[in-house]
């Protein structure tokens, strides 16, 4: 099971997680697949989205649906992707606030 690391300051580390990698998808698929996956998850699960950029259009939709999120940039374990990209990945943790 994927886990949250020390780069995140606010994401709940005690909850189960699932990862969705949308780096290879063109718009609007990252947004739509993330929202679809969130709808399938229980409220205790943290979704970890891996993207090649900050999901700016996703943030207001998450807020409107009652989700909390945190985004960090991390080094990609896979290094360069062969297209001149820097080997960085943008990771967003998305969760429901505890009541």
Foldseek 3Di string as FASTA:
>chain_A
DDFDDPQDDDDDRVFAEDEDECAVPDPPVVLVVVVVVVVVDDQRYKYKYKYADPPVVNVVVLVVVQKDKDKDKDAAPVADPPPPDGRIIIIMIIHHDDD
